[in-house]
N, C-alpha and C. Protein backbone atom coordinates (compact mmCIF):
# COMPACT_ATOMS: atom_id res chain seq x y z
N MET A 1 323.08 139.21 215.02
CA MET A 1 322.22 139.96 214.23
C MET A 1 321.91 141.12 215.14
N ASP A 2 321.33 142.01 213.89
CA ASP A 2 321.49 143.74 214.60
C ASP A 2 319.66 143.44 214.96
N GLN A 3 319.28 144.69 215.63
CA GLN A 3 317.33 144.15 215.75
C GLN A 3 316.45 144.05 214.83
N LYS A 4 316.53 144.50 213.95
CA LYS A 4 315.73 144.67 212.58
C LYS A 4 315.70 143.10 211.99
N LYS A 5 316.98 142.57 212.33
CA LYS A 5 316.98 141.43 211.18
C LYS A 5 316.00 140.71 212.15
N ALA A 6 316.42 140.60 213.29
CA ALA A 6 315.82 139.66 214.87
C ALA A 6 314.18 139.99 214.30
N GLU A 7 313.90 141.12 214.36
CA GLU A 7 312.10 141.25 214.43
C GLU A 7 311.58 140.81 213.01
N ASN A 8 312.50 140.88 211.91
CA ASN A 8 311.74 140.26 210.85
C ASN A 8 311.87 139.08 211.16
N LYS A 9 312.44 138.11 211.84
CA LYS A 9 312.91 136.62 211.91
C LYS A 9 311.42 136.38 212.94
N ILE A 10 311.26 137.17 213.78
CA ILE A 10 310.37 136.96 215.31
C ILE A 10 309.10 136.54 214.28
N SER A 11 309.15 138.09 213.61
CA SER A 11 307.86 137.98 213.09
C SER A 11 307.16 136.91 211.99
N SER A 12 308.03 136.20 210.98
CA SER A 12 307.93 135.56 209.70
C SER A 12 307.68 134.06 211.00
N ILE A 13 307.72 134.29 211.72
CA ILE A 13 307.71 132.63 212.47
C ILE A 13 306.64 132.60 213.05
N ILE A 14 306.38 133.98 213.86
CA ILE A 14 305.15 133.86 214.64
C ILE A 14 303.49 133.98 212.82
N ALA A 15 304.25 134.49 212.11
CA ALA A 15 303.17 134.42 210.46
C ALA A 15 303.18 133.14 210.16
N SER A 16 304.09 132.68 210.11
CA SER A 16 304.32 130.88 209.36
C SER A 16 303.60 130.16 211.17
N ALA A 17 303.78 130.45 211.91
CA ALA A 17 302.52 129.45 212.70
C ALA A 17 301.06 129.26 212.52
N LEU A 18 300.53 131.30 212.18
CA LEU A 18 299.83 131.17 212.53
C LEU A 18 298.90 130.58 211.45
N LYS A 19 299.33 130.88 210.58
CA LYS A 19 298.96 130.36 208.80
C LYS A 19 298.76 128.72 209.20
N ASN A 20 299.25 128.54 209.87
CA ASN A 20 299.34 126.50 210.20
C ASN A 20 298.74 126.39 210.95
N HIS A 21 297.25 127.37 211.45
CA HIS A 21 296.50 127.39 213.04
C HIS A 21 297.10 126.36 213.89
N GLN A 22 298.57 127.78 214.11
CA GLN A 22 299.22 126.38 215.75
C GLN A 22 298.60 128.52 216.60
N GLU A 23 298.71 127.78 217.37
CA GLU A 23 299.38 128.57 219.27
C GLU A 23 300.73 129.03 219.03
N VAL A 24 301.15 130.38 219.42
CA VAL A 24 302.26 130.74 219.20
C VAL A 24 302.22 131.35 220.95
N GLN A 25 303.10 130.77 221.59
CA GLN A 25 303.24 131.06 223.60
C GLN A 25 304.52 131.80 223.58
N ILE A 26 304.53 132.70 224.42
CA ILE A 26 305.27 133.10 224.40
C ILE A 26 305.31 133.89 226.06
N LYS A 27 306.07 133.19 226.59
CA LYS A 27 306.50 133.55 228.13
C LYS A 27 306.89 134.83 228.47
N LYS A 28 305.91 135.22 229.42
CA LYS A 28 305.56 136.50 230.36
C LYS A 28 305.14 137.30 229.86
N LEU A 29 304.70 136.74 228.25
CA LEU A 29 304.52 137.89 227.19
C LEU A 29 302.62 137.33 226.75
N GLY A 30 302.34 136.46 226.60
CA GLY A 30 300.78 135.89 226.37
C GLY A 30 300.47 134.28 224.91
N THR A 31 299.25 134.47 224.76
CA THR A 31 299.40 133.78 223.75
C THR A 31 298.20 134.22 221.87
N ILE A 32 299.07 133.70 221.43
CA ILE A 32 298.09 134.23 219.88
C ILE A 32 297.87 133.13 218.95
N LYS A 33 296.67 133.29 218.75
CA LYS A 33 296.54 132.31 218.55
C LYS A 33 295.47 132.40 217.10
N VAL A 34 294.83 131.76 216.42
CA VAL A 34 293.93 132.00 215.35
C VAL A 34 292.49 131.32 215.29
N GLN A 35 291.54 131.93 215.83
CA GLN A 35 290.52 131.27 216.14
C GLN A 35 289.98 131.52 214.75
N HIS A 36 288.79 130.63 214.17
CA HIS A 36 287.72 130.83 213.38
C HIS A 36 286.37 131.10 213.63
N ARG A 37 285.69 132.16 213.30
CA ARG A 37 283.99 132.38 213.21
C ARG A 37 282.91 132.23 212.29
N ASN A 38 281.71 131.64 212.69
CA ASN A 38 281.69 131.22 212.07
C ASN A 38 280.23 132.59 211.00
N GLN A 39 279.87 132.29 209.81
CA GLN A 39 278.81 132.96 209.12
C GLN A 39 277.52 134.04 210.87
N GLN A 40 277.41 135.37 210.94
CA GLN A 40 276.53 135.46 211.42
C GLN A 40 275.38 136.98 210.59
N GLN A 41 274.39 136.14 211.62
CA GLN A 41 273.44 137.51 210.91
C GLN A 41 272.82 138.01 212.23
N GLU A 42 272.78 139.12 211.12
CA GLU A 42 272.57 140.62 212.07
C GLU A 42 272.05 141.04 211.34
N GLN A 43 271.37 142.38 212.23
CA GLN A 43 270.28 143.40 212.37
C GLN A 43 270.66 144.93 212.23
N ASP A 44 270.86 145.74 211.74
CA ASP A 44 270.63 147.28 211.51
C ASP A 44 269.47 147.73 212.34
N LYS A 45 269.96 149.33 212.63
CA LYS A 45 268.91 149.87 213.85
C LYS A 45 267.61 149.72 212.63
N SER A 46 267.56 150.13 211.38
CA SER A 46 266.26 149.81 210.17
C SER A 46 265.19 148.40 209.88
N GLY A 47 266.68 147.76 210.63
CA GLY A 47 265.19 145.95 210.53
C GLY A 47 265.71 145.17 209.85
N ARG A 48 267.57 145.91 208.55
CA ARG A 48 267.81 145.37 207.52
C ARG A 48 268.03 144.44 208.24
N VAL A 49 268.40 142.73 207.14
CA VAL A 49 268.14 141.93 208.12
C VAL A 49 270.21 141.78 206.75
N PHE A 50 271.81 141.44 207.12
CA PHE A 50 272.34 141.14 206.70
C PHE A 50 273.55 139.79 207.12
N LEU A 51 274.15 139.50 206.93
CA LEU A 51 275.42 138.26 206.77
C LEU A 51 276.31 138.65 206.33
N THR A 52 276.98 138.13 208.51
CA THR A 52 278.77 138.45 208.32
C THR A 52 279.34 137.07 207.50
N PRO A 53 280.40 137.00 206.97
CA PRO A 53 281.20 135.99 205.71
C PRO A 53 282.16 135.46 206.92
N PRO A 54 282.12 134.17 207.56
CA PRO A 54 283.14 133.19 207.92
C PRO A 54 283.97 133.88 207.95
N ALA A 55 285.01 134.08 209.37
CA ALA A 55 286.37 134.92 208.85
C ALA A 55 287.66 133.82 209.66
N ASP A 56 288.42 134.01 209.43
CA ASP A 56 289.16 133.35 210.82
C ASP A 56 289.92 134.59 211.19
N ILE A 57 290.60 134.76 212.91
CA ILE A 57 290.54 135.83 213.36
C ILE A 57 292.15 135.68 213.99
N ILE A 58 292.84 136.59 214.47
CA ILE A 58 294.28 136.41 215.29
C ILE A 58 293.05 136.78 216.66
N THR A 59 293.24 136.73 217.48
CA THR A 59 293.48 136.95 219.29
C THR A 59 294.80 136.70 219.65
N PHE A 60 294.82 137.69 221.14
CA PHE A 60 296.12 137.72 222.59
C PHE A 60 295.40 137.81 223.22
N LEU A 61 295.43 136.43 224.00
CA LEU A 61 295.54 136.56 225.50
C LEU A 61 296.90 136.50 226.74
N PRO A 62 296.39 137.95 226.57
CA PRO A 62 297.56 138.16 227.74
C PRO A 62 297.57 136.97 228.87
N GLU A 63 299.32 136.80 229.25
CA GLU A 63 299.48 136.07 230.74
C GLU A 63 298.83 136.58 231.27
N LYS A 64 299.02 136.30 232.48
CA LYS A 64 298.37 136.27 234.21
C LYS A 64 300.11 135.62 234.98
C-alpha cells in the first residue's frame, strides 16, 4: 500500500469514528474527540446581544 492510500484509509477511519462521537486515541500523539457546545448568548462592543447556535466541535488533546 502506498503512502497516499494509507493516509486516505487512516483519514476515513478517524472521520468515521468522529461521526459516531467516538474518541480516537493515537499513541504518542494524543486524543481526537467531538465535544458538543451549547447555544451561547454573547454581546458585542456596541451592546447588541446575539446567540451562537449549538455545534459539535472537534478537539485535540496532545499526549503528555
